[in-house]
C-alpha atoms as a PDB file:
ATOM      1  CA  MET A   1      83.979  95.509  96.247  1.00  0.00           C
ATOM      2  CA  LYS A   2      84.033  95.930 100.292  1.00  0.00           C
ATOM      3  CA  VAL A   3      86.752  96.683 101.813  1.00  0.00           C
ATOM      4  CA  LEU A   4      87.445  96.876 105.772  1.00  0.00           C
ATOM      5  CA  ILE A   5      89.806  99.428 106.671  1.00  0.00           C
ATOM      6  CA  VAL A   6      91.636  98.613 110.082  1.00  0.00           C
ATOM      7  CA  ASP A   7      93.954 101.396 111.437  1.00  0.00           C
ATOM      8  CA  ASP A   8      94.208 103.508 114.362  1.00  0.00           C
ATOM      9  CA  GLU A   9      95.390 106.669 112.407  1.00  0.00           C
ATOM     10  CA  ILE A  10      92.051 108.700 111.274  1.00  0.00           C
ATOM     11  CA  LEU A  11      94.142 110.412 108.553  1.00  0.00           C
ATOM     12  CA  ILE A  12      95.001 107.166 107.233  1.00  0.00           C
ATOM     13  CA  ARG A  13      91.919 105.919 107.026  1.00  0.00           C
ATOM     14  CA  ASN A  14      90.366 109.114 105.431  1.00  0.00           C
ATOM     15  CA  VAL A  15      93.050 108.840 102.614  1.00  0.00           C
ATOM     16  CA  ILE A  16      92.136 105.429 101.844  1.00  0.00           C
ATOM     17  CA  LYS A  17      88.658 105.882 102.045  1.00  0.00           C
ATOM     18  CA  GLU A  18      89.087 108.834  99.279  1.00  0.00           C
ATOM     19  CA  TYR A  19      90.790 106.497  96.872  1.00  0.00           C
ATOM     20  CA  LEU A  20      87.929 103.633  97.532  1.00  0.00           C
ATOM     21  CA  ARG A  21      85.377 106.334  96.621  1.00  0.00           C
ATOM     22  CA  LEU A  22      86.792 107.085  93.372  1.00  0.00           C
ATOM     23  CA  GLU A  23      86.853 103.388  92.355  1.00  0.00           C
ATOM     24  CA  GLY A  24      83.515 103.022  93.813  1.00  0.00           C
ATOM     25  CA  TYR A  25      84.114 100.633  96.170  1.00  0.00           C
ATOM     26  CA  GLU A  26      81.838 100.090  99.320  1.00  0.00           C
ATOM     27  CA  TYR A  27      84.150  99.940 102.957  1.00  0.00           C
ATOM     28  CA  ASP A  28      83.751 100.332 106.305  1.00  0.00           C
ATOM     29  CA  GLU A  29      86.734 101.241 108.998  1.00  0.00           C
ATOM     30  CA  ALA A  30      87.563 100.005 112.419  1.00  0.00           C
ATOM     31  CA  GLU A  31      90.322 101.687 115.009  1.00  0.00           C
ATOM     32  CA  ASP A  32      91.271  99.036 116.425  1.00  0.00           C
ATOM     33  CA  GLY A  33      91.125  94.896 115.758  1.00  0.00           C
ATOM     34  CA  GLU A  34      88.726  94.185 118.372  1.00  0.00           C
ATOM     35  CA  ILE A  35      86.259  96.252 116.338  1.00  0.00           C
ATOM     36  CA  ALA A  36      87.183  94.918 113.239  1.00  0.00           C
ATOM     37  CA  LEU A  37      86.505  91.289 114.522  1.00  0.00           C
ATOM     38  CA  GLU A  38      82.838  92.431 115.132  1.00  0.00           C
ATOM     39  CA  LEU A  39      82.202  94.152 111.840  1.00  0.00           C
ATOM     40  CA  ILE A  40      83.452  90.591 110.284  1.00  0.00           C
ATOM     41  CA  LYS A  41      80.971  88.616 112.079  1.00  0.00           C
ATOM     42  CA  ASN A  42      78.355  90.890 110.405  1.00  0.00           C
ATOM     43  CA  ASN A  43      79.642  91.388 106.910  1.00  0.00           C
ATOM     44  CA  ASN A  44      81.527  90.078 103.939  1.00  0.00           C
ATOM     45  CA  TYR A  45      84.359  91.948 102.707  1.00  0.00           C
ATOM     46  CA  ASP A  46      86.373  91.481  99.968  1.00  0.00           C
ATOM     47  CA  CYS A  47      89.671  92.420 101.400  1.00  0.00           C
ATOM     48  CA  ILE A  48      90.790  93.965 104.469  1.00  0.00           C
ATOM     49  CA  ILE A  49      93.734  96.660 105.267  1.00  0.00           C
ATOM     50  CA  LEU A  50      95.561  96.194 108.445  1.00  0.00           C
ATOM     51  CA  ASP A  51      97.616  98.040 110.641  1.00  0.00           C
ATOM     52  CA  ILE A  52     100.056  96.325 113.037  1.00  0.00           C
ATOM     53  CA  MET A  53     100.454  98.607 115.756  1.00  0.00           C
ATOM     54  CA  MET A  54      96.745  99.129 117.233  1.00  0.00           C
ATOM     55  CA  PRO A  55      95.393  99.249 120.738  1.00  0.00           C
ATOM     56  CA  ASN A  56      93.314  96.946 122.247  1.00  0.00           C
ATOM     57  CA  LEU A  57      94.151  94.128 119.644  1.00  0.00           C
ATOM     58  CA  ASP A  58      97.288  94.589 117.171  1.00  0.00           C
ATOM     59  CA  GLY A  59      97.358  93.340 113.570  1.00  0.00           C
ATOM     60  CA  PHE A  60      98.973  90.130 114.102  1.00  0.00           C
ATOM     61  CA  SER A  61      96.868  88.992 117.001  1.00  0.00           C
ATOM     62  CA  THR A  62      93.516  90.028 114.928  1.00  0.00           C
ATOM     63  CA  LEU A  63      95.119  88.431 111.355  1.00  0.00           C
ATOM     64  CA  LYS A  64      95.371  85.216 113.453  1.00  0.00           C
ATOM     65  CA  GLU A  65      91.927  85.473 114.725  1.00  0.00           C
ATOM     66  CA  ILE A  66      90.342  86.283 111.260  1.00  0.00           C
ATOM     67  CA  ARG A  67      92.140  83.312 109.639  1.00  0.00           C
ATOM     68  CA  LYS A  68      90.417  80.583 112.058  1.00  0.00           C
ATOM     69  CA  LYS A  69      87.330  81.219 110.445  1.00  0.00           C
ATOM     70  CA  SER A  70      88.328  83.455 106.962  1.00  0.00           C
ATOM     71  CA  ASN A  71      90.342  83.268 103.945  1.00  0.00           C
ATOM     72  CA  VAL A  72      89.576  86.983 102.832  1.00  0.00           C
ATOM     73  CA  LYS A  73      92.121  88.886 101.634  1.00  0.00           C
ATOM     74  CA  ILE A  74      94.138  90.794 103.739  1.00  0.00           C
ATOM     75  CA  ILE A  75      96.754  93.335 103.013  1.00  0.00           C
ATOM     76  CA  ILE A  76      99.151  94.463 105.646  1.00  0.00           C
ATOM     77  CA  LEU A  77      99.840  98.448 105.930  1.00  0.00           C
ATOM     78  CA  SER A  78     102.456  99.438 108.525  1.00  0.00           C
ATOM     79  CA  ALA A  79     105.412 101.117 109.047  1.00  0.00           C
ATOM     80  CA  ARG A  80     107.281  98.297 110.459  1.00  0.00           C
ATOM     81  CA  SER A  81     109.158  97.987 107.375  1.00  0.00           C
ATOM     82  CA  GLU A  82     111.626  94.976 108.386  1.00  0.00           C
ATOM     83  CA  GLU A  83     112.045  91.769 106.745  1.00  0.00           C
ATOM     84  CA  PHE A  84     111.262  90.004 109.946  1.00  0.00           C
ATOM     85  CA  ASP A  85     107.886  91.568 110.101  1.00  0.00           C
ATOM     86  CA  LYS A  86     107.136  91.246 106.704  1.00  0.00           C
ATOM     87  CA  LEU A  87     108.009  87.141 106.805  1.00  0.00           C
ATOM     88  CA  ALA A  88     105.603  87.157 110.293  1.00  0.00           C
ATOM     89  CA  GLY A  89     102.836  88.363 108.301  1.00  0.00           C
ATOM     90  CA  PHE A  90     103.165  86.066 105.373  1.00  0.00           C
ATOM     91  CA  ASP A  91     103.784  83.391 107.530  1.00  0.00           C
ATOM     92  CA  ILE A  92     100.561  83.957 109.940  1.00  0.00           C
ATOM     93  CA  GLY A  93      98.448  84.306 106.584  1.00  0.00           C
ATOM     94  CA  ALA A  94      98.867  88.391 104.952  1.00  0.00           C
ATOM     95  CA  ASP A  95      98.461  88.391 101.380  1.00  0.00           C
ATOM     96  CA  ASP A  96     100.277  91.327 100.936  1.00  0.00           C
ATOM     97  CA  TYR A  97     102.398  93.758 102.953  1.00  0.00           C
ATOM     98  CA  VAL A  98     103.061  97.453 102.030  1.00  0.00           C
ATOM     99  CA  THR A  99     104.980  99.530 104.167  1.00  0.00           C
ATOM    100  CA  LYS A 100     104.161 103.444 105.339  1.00  0.00           C
ATOM    101  CA  PRO A 101     104.538 105.775 103.890  1.00  0.00           C
ATOM    102  CA  PHE A 102     102.472 104.283 100.806  1.00  0.00           C
ATOM    103  CA  SER A 103     101.092 105.227  97.794  1.00  0.00           C
ATOM    104  CA  PRO A 104      97.549 105.401  97.561  1.00  0.00           C
ATOM    105  CA  LYS A 105      97.124 104.442  94.050  1.00  0.00           C
ATOM    106  CA  GLU A 106      99.503 101.303  94.804  1.00  0.00           C
ATOM    107  CA  LEU A 107      97.202 100.260  97.482  1.00  0.00           C
ATOM    108  CA  ILE A 108      94.204 100.234  95.271  1.00  0.00           C
ATOM    109  CA  ALA A 109      96.386  98.141  92.571  1.00  0.00           C
ATOM    110  CA  ARG A 110      97.592  96.101  95.131  1.00  0.00           C
ATOM    111  CA  ILE A 111      93.661  95.142  96.584  1.00  0.00           C
ATOM    112  CA  LYS A 112      92.562  94.864  93.164  1.00  0.00           C
ATOM    113  CA  ALA A 113      95.175  92.242  92.421  1.00  0.00           C
ATOM    114  CA  VAL A 114      94.972  90.264  95.104  1.00  0.00           C
ATOM    115  CA  VAL A 115      90.844  90.077  94.841  1.00  0.00           C
ATOM    116  CA  ARG A 116      91.383  89.132  91.294  1.00  0.00           C
ATOM    117  CA  ARG A 117      93.469  85.553  92.233  1.00  0.00           C
ATOM    118  CA  ASN A 118      89.981  84.805  93.929  1.00  0.00           C
ATOM    119  CA  GLU A 119      88.764  85.381  90.300  1.00  0.00           C
ATOM    120  CA  ILE A 120      90.862  82.756  88.352  1.00  0.00           C
ATOM    121  CA  LYS A 121      88.596  80.051  87.395  1.00  0.00           C
ATOM    122  CA  ASP A 122      89.930  76.463  86.576  1.00  0.00           C
ATOM    123  CA  GLY A 123      93.569  77.924  86.715  1.00  0.00           C
ATOM    124  CA  ASN A 124      93.316  80.251  84.031  1.00  0.00           C
ATOM    125  CA  ILE A 125      94.383  84.089  83.981  1.00  0.00           C
ATOM    126  CA  GLU A 126      93.876  85.767  80.734  1.00  0.00           C
ATOM    127  CA  VAL A 127      94.760  89.500  79.818  1.00  0.00           C
ATOM    128  CA  ASN A 128      94.327  90.701  76.283  1.00  0.00           C
ATOM    129  CA  GLY A 129      95.331  88.135  73.694  1.00  0.00           C
ATOM    130  CA  ILE A 130      98.332  86.316  76.768  1.00  0.00           C
ATOM    131  CA  LYS A 131      96.401  83.419  78.569  1.00  0.00           C
ATOM    132  CA  ILE A 132      97.927  80.839  80.781  1.00  0.00           C
ATOM    133  CA  ASN A 133      96.915  77.926  82.674  1.00  0.00           C
ATOM    134  CA  THR A 134      98.514  77.598  86.606  1.00  0.00           C
ATOM    135  CA  LEU A 135      97.524  74.020  86.089  1.00  0.00           C
ATOM    136  CA  SER A 136      98.733  72.987  83.503  1.00  0.00           C
ATOM    137  CA  ARG A 137     101.348  75.517  83.373  1.00  0.00           C
ATOM    138  CA  ASP A 138     100.660  76.175  79.152  1.00  0.00           C
ATOM    139  CA  VAL A 139     101.121  79.542  77.524  1.00  0.00           C
ATOM    140  CA  PHE A 140      98.854  81.088  74.896  1.00  0.00           C
ATOM    141  CA  ILE A 141      99.712  84.263  72.908  1.00  0.00           C
ATOM    142  CA  ASP A 142      96.734  85.016  70.682  1.00  0.00           C
ATOM    143  CA  ASN A 143      95.721  81.239  70.688  1.00  0.00           C
ATOM    144  CA  LYS A 144      98.978  79.945  69.694  1.00  0.00           C
ATOM    145  CA  LYS A 145     101.155  77.794  72.523  1.00  0.00           C
ATOM    146  CA  VAL A 146     104.097  79.110  73.355  1.00  0.00           C
ATOM    147  CA  GLU A 147     106.960  77.210  75.626  1.00  0.00           C
ATOM    148  CA  PHE A 148     107.948  78.862  78.128  1.00  0.00           C
ATOM    149  CA  THR A 149     110.401  77.049  80.724  1.00  0.00           C
ATOM    150  CA  HIS A 150     109.817  77.144  84.802  1.00  0.00           C
ATOM    151  CA  SER A 151     111.461  80.522  85.405  1.00  0.00           C
ATOM    152  CA  GLN A 152     109.921  82.414  82.661  1.00  0.00           C
ATOM    153  CA  PHE A 153     106.388  81.199  83.639  1.00  0.00           C
ATOM    154  CA  GLU A 154     106.485  81.999  87.270  1.00  0.00           C
ATOM    155  CA  ILE A 155     108.052  85.473  86.210  1.00  0.00           C
ATOM    156  CA  LEU A 156     104.898  85.883  83.795  1.00  0.00           C
ATOM    157  CA  LYS A 157     102.399  84.612  86.485  1.00  0.00           C
ATOM    158  CA  LEU A 158     103.966  86.872  89.199  1.00  0.00           C
ATOM    159  CA  PHE A 159     103.025  89.763  86.133  1.00  0.00           C
ATOM    160  CA  LEU A 160      99.654  88.604  85.316  1.00  0.00           C
ATOM    161  CA  GLU A 161      98.437  88.645  89.284  1.00  0.00           C
ATOM    162  CA  ASN A 162      99.723  91.800  90.300  1.00  0.00           C
ATOM    163  CA  PRO A 163      99.135  94.155  87.351  1.00  0.00           C
ATOM    164  CA  ASN A 164     100.030  97.914  87.238  1.00  0.00           C
ATOM    165  CA  ILE A 165     102.100  97.180  90.428  1.00  0.00           C
ATOM    166  CA  ALA A 166     105.986  98.352  90.355  1.00  0.00           C
ATOM    167  CA  LEU A 167     107.643  94.858  91.194  1.00  0.00           C
ATOM    168  CA  THR A 168     111.745  95.295  92.598  1.00  0.00           C
ATOM    169  CA  ARG A 169     114.170  92.726  91.315  1.00  0.00           C
ATOM    170  CA  GLU A 170     114.411  91.569  94.928  1.00  0.00           C
ATOM    171  CA  ASN A 171     110.677  90.975  94.810  1.00  0.00           C
ATOM    172  CA  ILE A 172     110.677  88.748  91.578  1.00  0.00           C
ATOM    173  CA  ILE A 173     113.824  86.675  93.330  1.00  0.00           C
ATOM    174  CA  ASP A 174     111.853  86.142  96.548  1.00  0.00           C
ATOM    175  CA  LYS A 175     108.372  85.369  94.920  1.00  0.00           C
ATOM    176  CA  ILE A 176     109.627  82.890  92.346  1.00  0.00           C
ATOM    177  CA  TRP A 177     113.189  81.750  94.167  1.00  0.00           C
ATOM    178  CA  GLY A 178     112.980  82.696  97.839  1.00  0.00           C
ATOM    179  CA  TYR A 179     114.724  84.819 100.213  1.00  0.00           C
ATOM    180  CA  ASP A 180     117.994  82.779 100.001  1.00  0.00           C
ATOM    181  CA  TYR A 181     118.349  82.942  96.259  1.00  0.00           C
ATOM    182  CA  GLU A 182     121.652  84.807  95.247  1.00  0.00           C
ATOM    183  CA  ALA A 183     121.293  86.383  91.667  1.00  0.00           C
ATOM    184  CA  GLU A 184     122.636  89.700  90.243  1.00  0.00           C
ATOM    185  CA  ASP A 185     120.672  91.943  88.601  1.00  0.00           C
ATOM    186  CA  ARG A 186     121.576  91.284  84.910  1.00  0.00           C
ATOM    187  CA  THR A 187     120.593  87.506  85.453  1.00  0.00           C
ATOM    188  CA  ILE A 188     117.135  88.815  86.579  1.00  0.00           C
ATOM    189  CA  ASP A 189     117.168  90.997  83.641  1.00  0.00           C
ATOM    190  CA  ALA A 190     117.828  88.251  81.114  1.00  0.00           C
ATOM    191  CA  HIS A 191     114.976  86.516  82.366  1.00  0.00           C
ATOM    192  CA  ILE A 192     112.980  89.212  81.618  1.00  0.00           C
ATOM    193  CA  LYS A 193     114.440  89.762  78.419  1.00  0.00           C
ATOM    194  CA  LEU A 194     113.653  86.307  77.176  1.00  0.00           C
ATOM    195  CA  VAL A 195     110.019  86.442  78.262  1.00  0.00           C
ATOM    196  CA  ARG A 196     109.390  89.952  76.690  1.00  0.00           C
ATOM    197  CA  ASN A 197     110.459  88.245  73.464  1.00  0.00           C
ATOM    198  CA  LYS A 198     108.091  84.949  73.513  1.00  0.00           C
ATOM    199  CA  LEU A 199     105.140  87.587  74.333  1.00  0.00           C
ATOM    200  CA  GLY A 200     105.872  88.910  70.709  1.00  0.00           C
ATOM    201  CA  LYS A 201     103.452  91.887  70.376  1.00  0.00           C
ATOM    202  CA  TYR A 202     102.782  92.043  73.898  1.00  0.00           C
ATOM    203  CA  LYS A 203     106.230  92.441  74.661  1.00  0.00           C
ATOM    204  CA  ASN A 204     105.618  95.917  75.567  1.00  0.00           C
ATOM    205  CA  TYR A 205     103.036  95.604  78.629  1.00  0.00           C
ATOM    206  CA  ILE A 206     106.261  94.631  80.741  1.00  0.00           C
ATOM    207  CA  LYS A 207     107.865  98.324  81.360  1.00  0.00           C
ATOM    208  CA  THR A 208     111.016  99.215  83.057  1.00  0.00           C
ATOM    209  CA  VAL A 209     110.727 101.298  85.952  1.00  0.00           C
ATOM    210  CA  ARG A 210     113.879 102.884  86.340  1.00  0.00           C
ATOM    211  CA  GLY A 211     115.261 102.860  89.818  1.00  0.00           C
ATOM    212  CA  VAL A 212     112.722 100.180  90.639  1.00  0.00           C
ATOM    213  CA  GLY A 213     112.383  97.443  88.764  1.00  0.00           C
ATOM    214  CA  TYR A 214     109.510  96.064  86.443  1.00  0.00           C
ATOM    215  CA  LYS A 215     105.787  96.558  85.785  1.00  0.00           C
ATOM    216  CA  PHE A 216     103.346  94.827  83.597  1.00  0.00           C
ATOM    217  CA  GLU A 217     100.879  97.857  82.684  1.00  0.00           C
ATOM    218  CA  ILE A 218      97.704  97.377  81.521  1.00  0.00           C
ATOM    219  CA  LYS A 219      95.574 100.040  80.419  1.00  0.00           C
ATOM    220  CA  GLU A 220      92.038  99.876  81.834  1.00  0.00           C
END
């Protein structure tokens, strides 16, 4: 995998580079959007980590330029944590949004998750004995078809597409029902319990993260 790090803070770039090295990934780096766009002309990247507040050409402007020519996976990494900024990022083509300060391990997990979405063939996502097809919306547990409701399917799909990433209840609501949906925590917990029960012997893959939400944990 090859990653482009675009951030004007050298310390941030160095931290990310160290964790990419540990994963055996290749990488390039740029301190502003203009340099990044030049690198993209001559390289094929699997993922781009993009800061927003940079000199010369900011992250949002850089993202717009990239999207004119490429569908490369892009994760915004920014200190701007307002909902407005996140919505703006997703609206112009970001695949994920991580706020600073950040966990380098979580960032690596998110890189794997967004790139993995490109690797899904014919709508199939498979993790050990769990297999779903996003086109037919079928779920198989150890090759046996199991019926899932629309919401249960979307929850399972969200987990499978984001392995080893802690998702808050708010994340789950936003991704599945939208920002305007109002639900109490116990409602989400009830949905999760039903999904767990249908996974049978794989139910313990869905971990409760105390004070946060849930995580679909896969040992690699």
